[in-house]
Amino acid sequence: MNEPVNWGWIAAGVAIVWNVINSLYAWYAAGQSVTKKEIDKLMSDTGTHSNRLTAIERDMKALPSAENYHKLELMVTEVRGALETMKAEMRPTAISVKRIEDFLLNSNKPAGRR
């Protein structure tokens, strides 16, 4: 009953199991690896995105800041107020000019046709 353990067969079995596990892992990892073509495409895309990002940054630098935009709003408000003041001041002048124009247009007509 007490036969000696044959370690050779056990070592061979462990080696076979280990080789099967390594083969399965290599087969799985090969499917997960990236080809040079895919890496080149990713690098190209990265360059394209970098160029687009640079263009956006350049455009953002050209935009007015919040402070400049606020100053511009104040200036527009001032101009709007000045125009309203000018319109109010021009109204009596426009009425006077209209009366003079009407007078001049009607002054050459005979008395009965006014």
C-alpha atoms as a PDB file:
ATOM      1  CA  MET A   1       0.000   0.000   0.000  1.00  0.00           C
ATOM      2  CA  ASN A   2       2.752   2.372   0.642  1.00  0.00           C
ATOM      3  CA  GLU A   3       4.039   2.757  -2.810  1.00  0.00           C
ATOM      4  CA  PRO A   4       6.586   5.505  -3.361  1.00  0.00           C
ATOM      5  CA  VAL A   5       5.298   8.709  -4.996  1.00  0.00           C
ATOM      6  CA  ASN A   6       6.462   9.103  -8.546  1.00  0.00           C
ATOM      7  CA  TRP A   7       7.404  12.774  -8.586  1.00  0.00           C
ATOM      8  CA  GLY A   8       8.312  12.629 -12.258  1.00  0.00           C
ATOM      9  CA  TRP A   9       4.715  12.095 -13.319  1.00  0.00           C
ATOM     10  CA  ILE A  10       3.490  14.858 -10.991  1.00  0.00           C
ATOM     11  CA  ALA A  11       6.099  17.297 -12.296  1.00  0.00           C
ATOM     12  CA  ALA A  12       5.139  16.403 -15.871  1.00  0.00           C
ATOM     13  CA  GLY A  13       1.436  17.000 -15.085  1.00  0.00           C
ATOM     14  CA  VAL A  14       2.175  20.361 -13.454  1.00  0.00           C
ATOM     15  CA  ALA A  15       4.317  21.357 -16.448  1.00  0.00           C
ATOM     16  CA  ILE A  16       1.516  20.408 -18.872  1.00  0.00           C
ATOM     17  CA  VAL A  17      -1.074  22.386 -16.881  1.00  0.00           C
ATOM     18  CA  TRP A  18       1.331  25.348 -16.687  1.00  0.00           C
ATOM     19  CA  ASN A  19       1.916  25.225 -20.465  1.00  0.00           C
ATOM     20  CA  VAL A  20      -1.829  25.109 -21.159  1.00  0.00           C
ATOM     21  CA  ILE A  21      -2.399  28.128 -18.895  1.00  0.00           C
ATOM     22  CA  ASN A  22       0.453  30.046 -20.568  1.00  0.00           C
ATOM     23  CA  SER A  23      -0.862  29.148 -24.033  1.00  0.00           C
ATOM     24  CA  LEU A  24      -4.363  30.356 -23.153  1.00  0.00           C
ATOM     25  CA  TYR A  25      -2.967  33.597 -21.718  1.00  0.00           C
ATOM     26  CA  ALA A  26      -0.799  34.180 -24.813  1.00  0.00           C
ATOM     27  CA  TRP A  27      -3.782  33.541 -27.094  1.00  0.00           C
ATOM     28  CA  TYR A  28      -5.934  35.972 -25.054  1.00  0.00           C
ATOM     29  CA  ALA A  29      -3.198  38.648 -24.893  1.00  0.00           C
ATOM     30  CA  ALA A  30      -2.582  38.422 -28.644  1.00  0.00           C
ATOM     31  CA  GLY A  31      -6.192  39.418 -29.243  1.00  0.00           C
ATOM     32  CA  GLN A  32      -5.756  42.372 -26.906  1.00  0.00           C
ATOM     33  CA  SER A  33      -2.544  43.713 -28.418  1.00  0.00           C
ATOM     34  CA  VAL A  34      -2.471  46.821 -30.572  1.00  0.00           C
ATOM     35  CA  THR A  35      -0.964  46.825 -34.036  1.00  0.00           C
ATOM     36  CA  LYS A  36       1.471  49.439 -35.326  1.00  0.00           C
ATOM     37  CA  LYS A  37      -1.201  50.640 -37.753  1.00  0.00           C
ATOM     38  CA  GLU A  38      -3.583  51.288 -34.851  1.00  0.00           C
ATOM     39  CA  ILE A  39      -0.867  53.108 -32.906  1.00  0.00           C
ATOM     40  CA  ASP A  40      -0.060  55.275 -35.947  1.00  0.00           C
ATOM     41  CA  LYS A  41      -3.758  56.129 -36.345  1.00  0.00           C
ATOM     42  CA  LEU A  42      -3.991  57.074 -32.672  1.00  0.00           C
ATOM     43  CA  MET A  43      -0.885  59.257 -32.996  1.00  0.00           C
ATOM     44  CA  SER A  44      -2.354  60.922 -36.080  1.00  0.00           C
ATOM     45  CA  ASP A  45      -5.627  61.545 -34.278  1.00  0.00           C
ATOM     46  CA  THR A  46      -3.720  62.965 -31.329  1.00  0.00           C
ATOM     47  CA  GLY A  47      -1.921  65.368 -33.667  1.00  0.00           C
ATOM     48  CA  THR A  48      -5.229  66.415 -35.217  1.00  0.00           C
ATOM     49  CA  HIS A  49      -6.759  67.015 -31.793  1.00  0.00           C
ATOM     50  CA  SER A  50      -3.687  68.954 -30.751  1.00  0.00           C
ATOM     51  CA  ASN A  51      -4.034  71.221 -33.795  1.00  0.00           C
ATOM     52  CA  ARG A  52      -7.735  71.745 -33.109  1.00  0.00           C
ATOM     53  CA  LEU A  53      -7.031  72.520 -29.453  1.00  0.00           C
ATOM     54  CA  THR A  54      -4.349  75.030 -30.442  1.00  0.00           C
ATOM     55  CA  ALA A  55      -6.815  76.745 -32.804  1.00  0.00           C
ATOM     56  CA  ILE A  56      -9.447  76.935 -30.048  1.00  0.00           C
ATOM     57  CA  GLU A  57      -6.916  78.380 -27.599  1.00  0.00           C
ATOM     58  CA  ARG A  58      -5.859  80.984 -30.180  1.00  0.00           C
ATOM     59  CA  ASP A  59      -9.495  81.947 -30.796  1.00  0.00           C
ATOM     60  CA  MET A  60     -10.176  82.165 -27.070  1.00  0.00           C
ATOM     61  CA  LYS A  61      -7.254  84.562 -26.612  1.00  0.00           C
ATOM     62  CA  ALA A  62      -8.785  86.863 -29.246  1.00  0.00           C
ATOM     63  CA  LEU A  63     -12.136  87.039 -27.437  1.00  0.00           C
ATOM     64  CA  PRO A  64     -12.776  89.932 -25.068  1.00  0.00           C
ATOM     65  CA  SER A  65     -12.406  89.240 -21.387  1.00  0.00           C
ATOM     66  CA  ALA A  66     -15.321  89.634 -19.002  1.00  0.00           C
ATOM     67  CA  GLU A  67     -13.957  93.044 -17.982  1.00  0.00           C
ATOM     68  CA  ASN A  68     -13.638  94.189 -21.613  1.00  0.00           C
ATOM     69  CA  TYR A  69     -17.130  92.915 -22.378  1.00  0.00           C
ATOM     70  CA  HIS A  70     -18.502  94.850 -19.404  1.00  0.00           C
ATOM     71  CA  LYS A  71     -16.754  98.025 -20.591  1.00  0.00           C
ATOM     72  CA  LEU A  72     -18.254  97.498 -24.040  1.00  0.00           C
ATOM     73  CA  GLU A  73     -21.724  97.136 -22.517  1.00  0.00           C
ATOM     74  CA  LEU A  74     -21.256 100.408 -20.622  1.00  0.00           C
ATOM     75  CA  MET A  75     -20.143 102.186 -23.800  1.00  0.00           C
ATOM     76  CA  VAL A  76     -23.167 100.907 -25.720  1.00  0.00           C
ATOM     77  CA  THR A  77     -25.426 102.083 -22.905  1.00  0.00           C
ATOM     78  CA  GLU A  78     -23.811 105.541 -23.031  1.00  0.00           C
ATOM     79  CA  VAL A  79     -24.270 105.735 -26.807  1.00  0.00           C
ATOM     80  CA  ARG A  80     -27.886 104.621 -26.477  1.00  0.00           C
ATOM     81  CA  GLY A  81     -28.514 107.353 -23.887  1.00  0.00           C
ATOM     82  CA  ALA A  82     -26.852 109.972 -26.080  1.00  0.00           C
ATOM     83  CA  LEU A  83     -29.015 108.929 -29.042  1.00  0.00           C
ATOM     84  CA  GLU A  84     -32.185 109.185 -26.952  1.00  0.00           C
ATOM     85  CA  THR A  85     -31.125 112.686 -25.849  1.00  0.00           C
ATOM     86  CA  MET A  86     -30.402 113.708 -29.445  1.00  0.00           C
ATOM     87  CA  LYS A  87     -33.756 112.314 -30.573  1.00  0.00           C
ATOM     88  CA  ALA A  88     -35.567 114.330 -27.903  1.00  0.00           C
ATOM     89  CA  GLU A  89     -33.650 117.484 -28.873  1.00  0.00           C
ATOM     90  CA  MET A  90     -34.253 116.946 -32.605  1.00  0.00           C
ATOM     91  CA  ARG A  91     -38.033 116.476 -32.295  1.00  0.00           C
ATOM     92  CA  PRO A  92     -38.856 120.245 -32.021  1.00  0.00           C
ATOM     93  CA  THR A  93     -36.451 120.989 -34.888  1.00  0.00           C
ATOM     94  CA  ALA A  94     -38.138 118.355 -37.066  1.00  0.00           C
ATOM     95  CA  ILE A  95     -41.553 119.836 -36.285  1.00  0.00           C
ATOM     96  CA  SER A  96     -40.325 123.326 -37.200  1.00  0.00           C
ATOM     97  CA  VAL A  97     -38.764 122.112 -40.437  1.00  0.00           C
ATOM     98  CA  LYS A  98     -42.020 120.335 -41.331  1.00  0.00           C
ATOM     99  CA  ARG A  99     -43.993 123.559 -40.762  1.00  0.00           C
ATOM    100  CA  ILE A 100     -41.560 125.556 -42.901  1.00  0.00           C
ATOM    101  CA  GLU A 101     -41.694 122.903 -45.641  1.00  0.00           C
ATOM    102  CA  ASP A 102     -45.491 122.908 -45.592  1.00  0.00           C
ATOM    103  CA  PHE A 103     -45.515 126.703 -45.726  1.00  0.00           C
ATOM    104  CA  LEU A 104     -43.128 126.817 -48.659  1.00  0.00           C
ATOM    105  CA  LEU A 105     -45.018 124.118 -50.553  1.00  0.00           C
ATOM    106  CA  ASN A 106     -48.375 125.808 -49.987  1.00  0.00           C
ATOM    107  CA  SER A 107     -47.263 129.440 -50.419  1.00  0.00           C
ATOM    108  CA  ASN A 108     -47.240 129.248 -54.260  1.00  0.00           C
ATOM    109  CA  LYS A 109     -50.755 127.838 -54.486  1.00  0.00           C
ATOM    110  CA  PRO A 110     -53.736 130.129 -55.099  1.00  0.00           C
ATOM    111  CA  ALA A 111     -55.615 131.236 -52.001  1.00  0.00           C
ATOM    112  CA  GLY A 112     -58.584 128.989 -52.579  1.00  0.00           C
ATOM    113  CA  ARG A 113     -56.591 125.774 -52.906  1.00  0.00           C
ATOM    114  CA  ARG A 114     -54.707 125.750 -49.612  1.00  0.00           C
END
